[in-house]
Amino acid sequence: EAIKSALSLPQLQVLYIDIQDDFSTPTSEFLSVAEPPLREGYAKELRYFAFGDGTTYEYLREEGSFSDTPSLVGYIPGTVLLHEKMYDWVETAV
């Protein structure tokens, strides 16, 4: 119910869920709970579903489902910022 309430925000582009304290619930379960309201028209601007462990899934509106694999776009917790993960090797090499 909390996910559906969050999805009722009209301009929501990223939904961030910190599941670090709840290891028993897999991310796929959160995604499956979010898909029906999104198909019903909730959160028409939503593009990404981000998790506290750093994984981000893109919502593919035309298919009505989330990407099967994590996206290369990451979410910076506590902000409204996204970043490309494809260049993370630059940070680790320095």
C-alpha atoms as a PDB file:
ATOM      1  CA  GLU A   1       0.000   0.000   0.000  1.00  0.00           C
ATOM      2  CA  ALA A   2       2.892   2.376   0.741  1.00  0.00           C
ATOM      3  CA  ILE A   3       4.296   1.878  -2.752  1.00  0.00           C
ATOM      4  CA  LYS A   4       0.922   2.667  -4.333  1.00  0.00           C
ATOM      5  CA  SER A   5       0.673   5.823  -2.209  1.00  0.00           C
ATOM      6  CA  ALA A   6       4.121   6.953  -3.353  1.00  0.00           C
ATOM      7  CA  LEU A   7       3.194   6.238  -6.969  1.00  0.00           C
ATOM      8  CA  SER A   8       0.238   8.619  -6.648  1.00  0.00           C
ATOM      9  CA  LEU A   9       2.670  11.577  -6.732  1.00  0.00           C
ATOM     10  CA  PRO A  10       2.138  12.966 -10.252  1.00  0.00           C
ATOM     11  CA  GLN A  11       5.690  14.200 -10.989  1.00  0.00           C
ATOM     12  CA  LEU A  12       7.568  11.261  -9.431  1.00  0.00           C
ATOM     13  CA  GLN A  13      10.484  10.210 -11.648  1.00  0.00           C
ATOM     14  CA  VAL A  14      12.466   7.989  -9.256  1.00  0.00           C
ATOM     15  CA  LEU A  15      11.108   5.853  -6.434  1.00  0.00           C
ATOM     16  CA  TYR A  16      13.846   5.016  -3.913  1.00  0.00           C
ATOM     17  CA  ILE A  17      13.413   2.148  -1.463  1.00  0.00           C
ATOM     18  CA  ASP A  18      16.036   1.441   1.177  1.00  0.00           C
ATOM     19  CA  ILE A  19      15.742  -2.270   1.927  1.00  0.00           C
ATOM     20  CA  GLN A  20      19.069  -2.646   3.733  1.00  0.00           C
ATOM     21  CA  ASP A  21      17.303  -3.499   6.988  1.00  0.00           C
ATOM     22  CA  ASP A  22      14.995  -6.076   5.382  1.00  0.00           C
ATOM     23  CA  PHE A  23      17.076  -8.743   3.653  1.00  0.00           C
ATOM     24  CA  SER A  24      14.133 -11.162   3.494  1.00  0.00           C
ATOM     25  CA  THR A  25      12.268  -9.328   0.716  1.00  0.00           C
ATOM     26  CA  PRO A  26      13.872  -9.594  -2.742  1.00  0.00           C
ATOM     27  CA  THR A  27      13.896  -6.554  -5.031  1.00  0.00           C
ATOM     28  CA  SER A  28      11.826  -8.483  -7.578  1.00  0.00           C
ATOM     29  CA  GLU A  29       8.930  -8.547  -5.110  1.00  0.00           C
ATOM     30  CA  PHE A  30       8.961  -4.748  -4.800  1.00  0.00           C
ATOM     31  CA  LEU A  31       9.023  -4.437  -8.589  1.00  0.00           C
ATOM     32  CA  SER A  32       6.087  -6.824  -8.987  1.00  0.00           C
ATOM     33  CA  VAL A  33       4.059  -4.824  -6.436  1.00  0.00           C
ATOM     34  CA  ALA A  34       4.751  -1.575  -8.321  1.00  0.00           C
ATOM     35  CA  GLU A  35       3.914  -2.823 -11.826  1.00  0.00           C
ATOM     36  CA  PRO A  36       0.079  -3.078 -11.547  1.00  0.00           C
ATOM     37  CA  PRO A  37      -0.456   0.529 -10.347  1.00  0.00           C
ATOM     38  CA  LEU A  38       1.941   1.773 -13.022  1.00  0.00           C
ATOM     39  CA  ARG A  39      -0.053  -0.077 -15.686  1.00  0.00           C
ATOM     40  CA  GLU A  40      -3.213   1.546 -14.265  1.00  0.00           C
ATOM     41  CA  GLY A  41      -1.732   4.998 -14.936  1.00  0.00           C
ATOM     42  CA  TYR A  42      -0.113   5.924 -11.643  1.00  0.00           C
ATOM     43  CA  ALA A  43       3.168   7.909 -11.724  1.00  0.00           C
ATOM     44  CA  LYS A  44       3.137   8.673 -15.433  1.00  0.00           C
ATOM     45  CA  GLU A  45       6.555  10.341 -15.123  1.00  0.00           C
ATOM     46  CA  LEU A  46       8.257   7.456 -13.267  1.00  0.00           C
ATOM     47  CA  ARG A  47      11.390   6.250 -15.028  1.00  0.00           C
ATOM     48  CA  TYR A  48      13.420   4.458 -12.350  1.00  0.00           C
ATOM     49  CA  PHE A  49      12.955   2.317  -9.264  1.00  0.00           C
ATOM     50  CA  ALA A  50      16.087   2.557  -7.091  1.00  0.00           C
ATOM     51  CA  PHE A  51      17.124   0.455  -4.116  1.00  0.00           C
ATOM     52  CA  GLY A  52      19.419   1.111  -1.158  1.00  0.00           C
ATOM     53  CA  ASP A  53      21.951  -1.448  -2.362  1.00  0.00           C
ATOM     54  CA  GLY A  54      22.642   0.724  -5.414  1.00  0.00           C
ATOM     55  CA  THR A  55      20.653  -1.182  -8.022  1.00  0.00           C
ATOM     56  CA  THR A  56      18.276   0.774 -10.216  1.00  0.00           C
ATOM     57  CA  TYR A  57      15.677  -0.636 -12.596  1.00  0.00           C
ATOM     58  CA  GLU A  58      14.217   1.314 -15.490  1.00  0.00           C
ATOM     59  CA  TYR A  59      10.459   1.229 -15.998  1.00  0.00           C
ATOM     60  CA  LEU A  60       9.711   0.384 -19.622  1.00  0.00           C
ATOM     61  CA  ARG A  61       6.357   2.077 -20.041  1.00  0.00           C
ATOM     62  CA  GLU A  62       5.601   0.616 -23.482  1.00  0.00           C
ATOM     63  CA  GLU A  63       6.037  -2.932 -22.144  1.00  0.00           C
ATOM     64  CA  GLY A  64       4.406  -2.147 -18.797  1.00  0.00           C
ATOM     65  CA  SER A  65       7.255  -3.727 -16.850  1.00  0.00           C
ATOM     66  CA  PHE A  66      10.670  -3.061 -15.374  1.00  0.00           C
ATOM     67  CA  SER A  67      13.931  -3.900 -17.114  1.00  0.00           C
ATOM     68  CA  ASP A  68      15.121  -7.450 -16.489  1.00  0.00           C
ATOM     69  CA  THR A  69      18.594  -6.303 -15.487  1.00  0.00           C
ATOM     70  CA  PRO A  70      19.736  -3.356 -13.378  1.00  0.00           C
ATOM     71  CA  SER A  71      20.124  -0.092 -15.256  1.00  0.00           C
ATOM     72  CA  LEU A  72      23.424   1.703 -15.840  1.00  0.00           C
ATOM     73  CA  VAL A  73      21.799   4.750 -14.273  1.00  0.00           C
ATOM     74  CA  GLY A  74      22.283   4.983 -10.534  1.00  0.00           C
ATOM     75  CA  TYR A  75      20.460   7.058  -7.945  1.00  0.00           C
ATOM     76  CA  ILE A  76      22.298   9.193  -5.391  1.00  0.00           C
ATOM     77  CA  PRO A  77      20.352   8.685  -2.117  1.00  0.00           C
ATOM     78  CA  GLY A  78      19.051  11.791  -0.380  1.00  0.00           C
ATOM     79  CA  THR A  79      19.055  13.818  -3.597  1.00  0.00           C
ATOM     80  CA  VAL A  80      17.124  14.176  -6.815  1.00  0.00           C
ATOM     81  CA  LEU A  81      20.222  13.221  -8.818  1.00  0.00           C
ATOM     82  CA  LEU A  82      20.932  10.327 -11.140  1.00  0.00           C
ATOM     83  CA  HIS A  83      24.359   9.373 -12.450  1.00  0.00           C
ATOM     84  CA  GLU A  84      25.690   7.085 -15.174  1.00  0.00           C
ATOM     85  CA  LYS A  85      27.364   4.026 -13.687  1.00  0.00           C
ATOM     86  CA  MET A  86      29.221   3.177 -16.860  1.00  0.00           C
ATOM     87  CA  TYR A  87      32.166   5.388 -15.854  1.00  0.00           C
ATOM     88  CA  ASP A  88      32.606   4.109 -12.283  1.00  0.00           C
ATOM     89  CA  TRP A  89      35.924   2.549 -13.311  1.00  0.00           C
ATOM     90  CA  VAL A  90      37.364   6.077 -13.499  1.00  0.00           C
ATOM     91  CA  GLU A  91      36.678   6.618  -9.797  1.00  0.00           C
ATOM     92  CA  THR A  92      38.244   3.299  -8.779  1.00  0.00           C
ATOM     93  CA  ALA A  93      41.344   3.794 -10.935  1.00  0.00           C
ATOM     94  CA  VAL A  94      42.213   7.145  -9.366  1.00  0.00           C
END
